[in-house]
Amino acid sequence: RRGPYLKFILRELSSVFVAIWAVMTLLQIRGVIRGPEAYAAFQDRLRTPLLLMLNSVSFLFVLLHTLTWFQAAPQAMAVRVKGQRIPDVLVVTANFVIWLALSGFVAWRLLGG
């Protein structure tokens, strides 16, 4: 009975970890801009147990945030074609396919493709 409520609370809590993830990304960009020494110092800080745990938990919450947002997308945007609303499952599926395709492309580019 409390499953939907727990899911809602976790989704709302995930926003805090999305913000942490964004700040960490901005700090990483700042380290890159400041040069190799600054970036190396940033990378060393990331290896501390506290930040490793925080980043691991943040990653899981960012993943939860993404998955629940994709599932909520049909309610957020009612896509219509020729006056007919597209079924929710197609909107959700399209979001996941685009996400996987973009992730695959980014991975391919980063790995030297």
N, C-alpha and C. Protein backbone atom coordinates (compact mmCIF):
# COMPACT_ATOMS: atom_id res chain seq x y z
N ARG A 1 0.82 -1.21 0.00
CA ARG A 1 0.00 0.00 0.00
C ARG A 1 0.85 1.25 0.00
N ARG A 2 2.05 1.17 0.54
CA ARG A 2 2.89 2.36 0.64
C ARG A 2 3.87 2.47 -0.52
N GLY A 3 3.83 1.55 -1.46
CA GLY A 3 4.76 1.55 -2.59
C GLY A 3 4.72 2.85 -3.39
N PRO A 4 3.53 3.29 -3.83
CA PRO A 4 3.49 4.54 -4.59
C PRO A 4 3.97 5.75 -3.78
N TYR A 5 3.68 5.77 -2.49
CA TYR A 5 4.13 6.87 -1.64
C TYR A 5 5.65 6.86 -1.52
N LEU A 6 6.24 5.69 -1.33
CA LEU A 6 7.69 5.57 -1.24
C LEU A 6 8.34 6.00 -2.55
N LYS A 7 7.76 5.58 -3.66
CA LYS A 7 8.29 5.97 -4.97
C LYS A 7 8.25 7.50 -5.13
N PHE A 8 7.17 8.11 -4.69
CA PHE A 8 7.04 9.57 -4.76
C PHE A 8 8.11 10.26 -3.91
N ILE A 9 8.30 9.78 -2.69
CA ILE A 9 9.30 10.37 -1.78
C ILE A 9 10.70 10.21 -2.37
N LEU A 10 11.02 9.02 -2.88
CA LEU A 10 12.34 8.80 -3.47
C LEU A 10 12.55 9.68 -4.69
N ARG A 11 11.50 9.85 -5.48
CA ARG A 11 11.60 10.72 -6.67
C ARG A 11 11.90 12.15 -6.24
N GLU A 12 11.21 12.64 -5.23
CA GLU A 12 11.44 14.01 -4.76
C GLU A 12 12.83 14.14 -4.15
N LEU A 13 13.25 13.14 -3.39
CA LEU A 13 14.58 13.14 -2.79
C LEU A 13 15.67 13.09 -3.85
N SER A 14 15.38 12.44 -4.96
CA SER A 14 16.37 12.31 -6.03
C SER A 14 16.78 13.68 -6.59
N SER A 15 15.92 14.67 -6.47
CA SER A 15 16.25 16.01 -6.97
C SER A 15 17.47 16.58 -6.27
N VAL A 16 17.62 16.29 -4.99
CA VAL A 16 18.79 16.76 -4.24
C VAL A 16 20.05 16.15 -4.83
N PHE A 17 20.01 14.87 -5.14
CA PHE A 17 21.18 14.19 -5.68
C PHE A 17 21.45 14.58 -7.13
N VAL A 18 20.42 14.93 -7.87
CA VAL A 18 20.62 15.47 -9.22
C VAL A 18 21.38 16.79 -9.11
N ALA A 19 21.03 17.61 -8.14
CA ALA A 19 21.74 18.88 -7.93
C ALA A 19 23.19 18.63 -7.54
N ILE A 20 23.43 17.66 -6.66
CA ILE A 20 24.81 17.33 -6.27
C ILE A 20 25.59 16.87 -7.50
N TRP A 21 24.98 16.04 -8.31
CA TRP A 21 25.63 15.54 -9.52
C TRP A 21 25.98 16.70 -10.45
N ALA A 22 25.08 17.65 -10.60
CA ALA A 22 25.32 18.82 -11.46
C ALA A 22 26.47 19.67 -10.92
N VAL A 23 26.50 19.88 -9.61
CA VAL A 23 27.58 20.66 -9.00
C VAL A 23 28.92 19.96 -9.20
N MET A 24 28.95 18.65 -9.02
CA MET A 24 30.19 17.90 -9.22
C MET A 24 30.66 18.01 -10.68
N THR A 25 29.74 17.98 -11.61
CA THR A 25 30.11 18.13 -13.02
C THR A 25 30.67 19.52 -13.28
N LEU A 26 30.05 20.55 -12.71
CA LEU A 26 30.56 21.91 -12.87
C LEU A 26 31.95 22.06 -12.24
N LEU A 27 32.17 21.45 -11.10
CA LEU A 27 33.49 21.49 -10.47
C LEU A 27 34.53 20.77 -11.33
N GLN A 28 34.12 19.70 -11.96
CA GLN A 28 35.03 18.98 -12.84
C GLN A 28 35.39 19.84 -14.05
N ILE A 29 34.42 20.51 -14.62
CA ILE A 29 34.70 21.41 -15.75
C ILE A 29 35.64 22.53 -15.32
N ARG A 30 35.42 23.06 -14.11
CA ARG A 30 36.30 24.11 -13.60
C ARG A 30 37.73 23.58 -13.48
N GLY A 31 37.88 22.35 -13.00
CA GLY A 31 39.21 21.76 -12.90
C GLY A 31 39.88 21.61 -14.26
N VAL A 32 39.12 21.22 -15.26
CA VAL A 32 39.66 21.09 -16.62
C VAL A 32 40.12 22.45 -17.14
N ILE A 33 39.29 23.48 -16.91
CA ILE A 33 39.62 24.83 -17.39
C ILE A 33 40.87 25.37 -16.71
N ARG A 34 41.05 25.07 -15.44
CA ARG A 34 42.19 25.59 -14.68
C ARG A 34 43.51 24.88 -14.98
N GLY A 35 43.45 23.79 -15.68
CA GLY A 35 44.69 23.13 -16.09
C GLY A 35 44.88 21.75 -15.49
N PRO A 36 45.95 21.07 -15.96
CA PRO A 36 46.19 19.69 -15.54
C PRO A 36 46.38 19.50 -14.03
N GLU A 37 47.05 20.45 -13.38
CA GLU A 37 47.28 20.30 -11.94
C GLU A 37 45.96 20.39 -11.16
N ALA A 38 45.15 21.37 -11.53
CA ALA A 38 43.85 21.54 -10.84
C ALA A 38 42.96 20.33 -11.09
N TYR A 39 42.98 19.82 -12.31
CA TYR A 39 42.15 18.67 -12.62
C TYR A 39 42.63 17.43 -11.87
N ALA A 40 43.94 17.26 -11.77
CA ALA A 40 44.50 16.13 -11.02
C ALA A 40 44.12 16.23 -9.54
N ALA A 41 44.15 17.45 -8.99
CA ALA A 41 43.75 17.64 -7.59
C ALA A 41 42.27 17.31 -7.40
N PHE A 42 41.45 17.71 -8.37
CA PHE A 42 40.02 17.38 -8.31
C PHE A 42 39.82 15.87 -8.35
N GLN A 43 40.53 15.20 -9.24
CA GLN A 43 40.41 13.74 -9.35
C GLN A 43 40.85 13.06 -8.05
N ASP A 44 41.89 13.58 -7.43
CA ASP A 44 42.34 13.01 -6.15
C ASP A 44 41.26 13.15 -5.07
N ARG A 45 40.60 14.32 -5.05
CA ARG A 45 39.51 14.51 -4.07
C ARG A 45 38.36 13.54 -4.32
N LEU A 46 38.10 13.23 -5.58
CA LEU A 46 37.01 12.30 -5.91
C LEU A 46 37.29 10.89 -5.42
N ARG A 47 38.54 10.57 -5.16
CA ARG A 47 38.90 9.21 -4.74
C ARG A 47 38.73 8.98 -3.24
N THR A 48 38.32 9.99 -2.51
CA THR A 48 38.11 9.80 -1.07
C THR A 48 36.87 8.93 -0.86
N PRO A 49 36.85 8.12 0.19
CA PRO A 49 35.70 7.23 0.42
C PRO A 49 34.36 7.98 0.49
N LEU A 50 34.34 9.13 1.13
CA LEU A 50 33.09 9.88 1.25
C LEU A 50 32.56 10.31 -0.11
N LEU A 51 33.43 10.84 -0.95
CA LEU A 51 32.97 11.28 -2.27
C LEU A 51 32.67 10.10 -3.19
N LEU A 52 33.39 9.01 -3.04
CA LEU A 52 33.05 7.81 -3.82
C LEU A 52 31.65 7.32 -3.47
N MET A 53 31.34 7.30 -2.17
CA MET A 53 30.01 6.88 -1.74
C MET A 53 28.94 7.88 -2.21
N LEU A 54 29.22 9.16 -2.03
CA LEU A 54 28.26 10.19 -2.44
C LEU A 54 27.98 10.11 -3.94
N ASN A 55 29.02 9.94 -4.74
CA ASN A 55 28.83 9.86 -6.19
C ASN A 55 28.10 8.58 -6.59
N SER A 56 28.35 7.49 -5.89
CA SER A 56 27.64 6.24 -6.19
C SER A 56 26.15 6.37 -5.89
N VAL A 57 25.84 6.93 -4.72
CA VAL A 57 24.43 7.13 -4.35
C VAL A 57 23.79 8.14 -5.30
N SER A 58 24.52 9.19 -5.63
CA SER A 58 23.99 10.20 -6.56
C SER A 58 23.68 9.58 -7.91
N PHE A 59 24.58 8.72 -8.40
CA PHE A 59 24.34 8.07 -9.68
C PHE A 59 23.05 7.26 -9.66
N LEU A 60 22.84 6.51 -8.58
CA LEU A 60 21.61 5.70 -8.48
C LEU A 60 20.37 6.59 -8.45
N PHE A 61 20.45 7.70 -7.71
CA PHE A 61 19.30 8.60 -7.65
C PHE A 61 19.08 9.32 -8.98
N VAL A 62 20.14 9.67 -9.70
CA VAL A 62 19.99 10.29 -11.02
C VAL A 62 19.33 9.30 -11.97
N LEU A 63 19.73 8.05 -11.88
CA LEU A 63 19.11 7.01 -12.70
C LEU A 63 17.62 6.86 -12.36
N LEU A 64 17.30 6.83 -11.07
CA LEU A 64 15.89 6.76 -10.64
C LEU A 64 15.12 7.98 -11.15
N HIS A 65 15.72 9.15 -11.04
CA HIS A 65 15.08 10.39 -11.48
C HIS A 65 14.77 10.32 -12.98
N THR A 66 15.73 9.83 -13.75
CA THR A 66 15.54 9.71 -15.20
C THR A 66 14.44 8.71 -15.53
N LEU A 67 14.49 7.56 -14.91
CA LEU A 67 13.48 6.53 -15.20
C LEU A 67 12.08 6.99 -14.83
N THR A 68 11.93 7.61 -13.68
CA THR A 68 10.59 8.05 -13.27
C THR A 68 10.11 9.23 -14.12
N TRP A 69 11.04 10.06 -14.58
CA TRP A 69 10.63 11.16 -15.45
C TRP A 69 10.14 10.62 -16.79
N PHE A 70 10.85 9.65 -17.35
CA PHE A 70 10.41 9.07 -18.60
C PHE A 70 9.04 8.42 -18.46
N GLN A 71 8.77 7.82 -17.31
CA GLN A 71 7.47 7.20 -17.09
C GLN A 71 6.38 8.25 -16.92
N ALA A 72 6.74 9.43 -16.42
CA ALA A 72 5.75 10.50 -16.22
C ALA A 72 5.57 11.36 -17.47
N ALA A 73 6.43 11.20 -18.44
CA ALA A 73 6.40 12.05 -19.63
C ALA A 73 5.04 12.07 -20.35
N PRO A 74 4.34 10.95 -20.47
CA PRO A 74 3.05 11.01 -21.16
C PRO A 74 2.03 11.94 -20.47
N GLN A 75 2.13 12.07 -19.15
CA GLN A 75 1.22 12.99 -18.46
C GLN A 75 1.69 14.43 -18.62
N ALA A 76 3.00 14.62 -18.76
CA ALA A 76 3.55 15.97 -18.89
C ALA A 76 3.36 16.52 -20.30
N MET A 77 3.35 15.66 -21.29
CA MET A 77 3.17 16.12 -22.67
C MET A 77 2.27 15.14 -23.41
N ALA A 78 1.12 15.62 -23.75
CA ALA A 78 0.17 14.81 -24.50
C ALA A 78 0.45 15.00 -25.99
N VAL A 79 1.13 14.02 -26.58
CA VAL A 79 1.50 14.11 -27.99
C VAL A 79 0.32 13.64 -28.83
N ARG A 80 -0.03 14.48 -29.80
CA ARG A 80 -1.16 14.14 -30.69
C ARG A 80 -0.69 14.14 -32.14
N VAL A 81 -1.19 13.17 -32.88
CA VAL A 81 -0.94 13.09 -34.32
C VAL A 81 -2.30 12.98 -35.00
N LYS A 82 -2.60 13.96 -35.86
CA LYS A 82 -3.89 14.02 -36.56
C LYS A 82 -5.05 13.97 -35.58
N GLY A 83 -4.91 14.67 -34.47
CA GLY A 83 -5.97 14.76 -33.48
C GLY A 83 -6.09 13.60 -32.52
N GLN A 84 -5.31 12.54 -32.75
CA GLN A 84 -5.36 11.37 -31.89
C GLN A 84 -4.16 11.38 -30.94
N ARG A 85 -4.42 11.13 -29.67
CA ARG A 85 -3.34 11.08 -28.69
C ARG A 85 -2.55 9.79 -28.88
N ILE A 86 -1.22 9.93 -28.91
CA ILE A 86 -0.34 8.77 -29.03
C ILE A 86 -0.39 7.99 -27.71
N PRO A 87 -0.47 6.67 -27.76
CA PRO A 87 -0.50 5.88 -26.53
C PRO A 87 0.72 6.16 -25.64
N ASP A 88 0.49 6.13 -24.34
CA ASP A 88 1.54 6.41 -23.37
C ASP A 88 2.77 5.53 -23.58
N VAL A 89 2.55 4.27 -23.88
CA VAL A 89 3.67 3.33 -24.02
C VAL A 89 4.60 3.76 -25.16
N LEU A 90 4.08 4.36 -26.21
CA LEU A 90 4.92 4.81 -27.31
C LEU A 90 5.77 6.01 -26.91
N VAL A 91 5.20 6.91 -26.12
CA VAL A 91 5.98 8.07 -25.65
C VAL A 91 7.11 7.61 -24.74
N VAL A 92 6.79 6.71 -23.81
CA VAL A 92 7.81 6.20 -22.88
C VAL A 92 8.88 5.44 -23.66
N THR A 93 8.47 4.58 -24.58
CA THR A 93 9.42 3.80 -25.37
C THR A 93 10.32 4.72 -26.20
N ALA A 94 9.74 5.74 -26.82
CA ALA A 94 10.54 6.68 -27.61
C ALA A 94 11.59 7.37 -26.74
N ASN A 95 11.21 7.77 -25.54
CA ASN A 95 12.17 8.40 -24.63
C ASN A 95 13.34 7.45 -24.32
N PHE A 96 13.03 6.20 -24.02
CA PHE A 96 14.09 5.24 -23.69
C PHE A 96 14.97 4.95 -24.90
N VAL A 97 14.39 4.83 -26.07
CA VAL A 97 15.18 4.56 -27.28
C VAL A 97 16.11 5.73 -27.58
N ILE A 98 15.60 6.96 -27.49
CA ILE A 98 16.44 8.13 -27.73
C ILE A 98 17.56 8.21 -26.70
N TRP A 99 17.22 7.95 -25.44
CA TRP A 99 18.23 7.98 -24.36
C TRP A 99 19.33 6.96 -24.62
N LEU A 100 18.96 5.74 -24.96
CA LEU A 100 19.95 4.70 -25.23
C LEU A 100 20.78 5.02 -26.47
N ALA A 101 20.14 5.55 -27.51
CA ALA A 101 20.88 5.91 -28.72
C ALA A 101 21.89 7.02 -28.45
N LEU A 102 21.47 8.05 -27.74
CA LEU A 102 22.39 9.14 -27.41
C LEU A 102 23.51 8.68 -26.49
N SER A 103 23.18 7.84 -25.52
CA SER A 103 24.20 7.30 -24.62
C SER A 103 25.21 6.47 -25.40
N GLY A 104 24.72 5.65 -26.31
CA GLY A 104 25.61 4.84 -27.15
C GLY A 104 26.50 5.71 -28.02
N PHE A 105 25.95 6.76 -28.59
CA PHE A 105 26.74 7.67 -29.42
C PHE A 105 27.83 8.37 -28.60
N VAL A 106 27.47 8.87 -27.42
CA VAL A 106 28.45 9.54 -26.56
C VAL A 106 29.55 8.55 -26.16
N ALA A 107 29.18 7.34 -25.78
CA ALA A 107 30.16 6.33 -25.40
C ALA A 107 31.08 6.01 -26.57
N TRP A 108 30.52 5.88 -27.75
CA TRP A 108 31.30 5.59 -28.95
C TRP A 108 32.30 6.72 -29.21
N ARG A 109 31.85 7.98 -29.09
CA ARG A 109 32.75 9.12 -29.32
C ARG A 109 33.85 9.19 -28.25
N LEU A 110 33.47 8.94 -26.99
CA LEU A 110 34.47 9.01 -25.93
C LEU A 110 35.51 7.89 -26.02
N LEU A 111 35.10 6.77 -26.58
CA LEU A 111 36.03 5.63 -26.70
C LEU A 111 36.82 5.66 -28.01
N GLY A 112 36.74 6.79 -28.70
CA GLY A 112 37.57 6.97 -29.88
C GLY A 112 36.96 6.54 -31.18
N GLY A 113 35.65 6.40 -31.22
CA GLY A 113 34.97 5.94 -32.44
C GLY A 113 34.85 6.93 -33.53
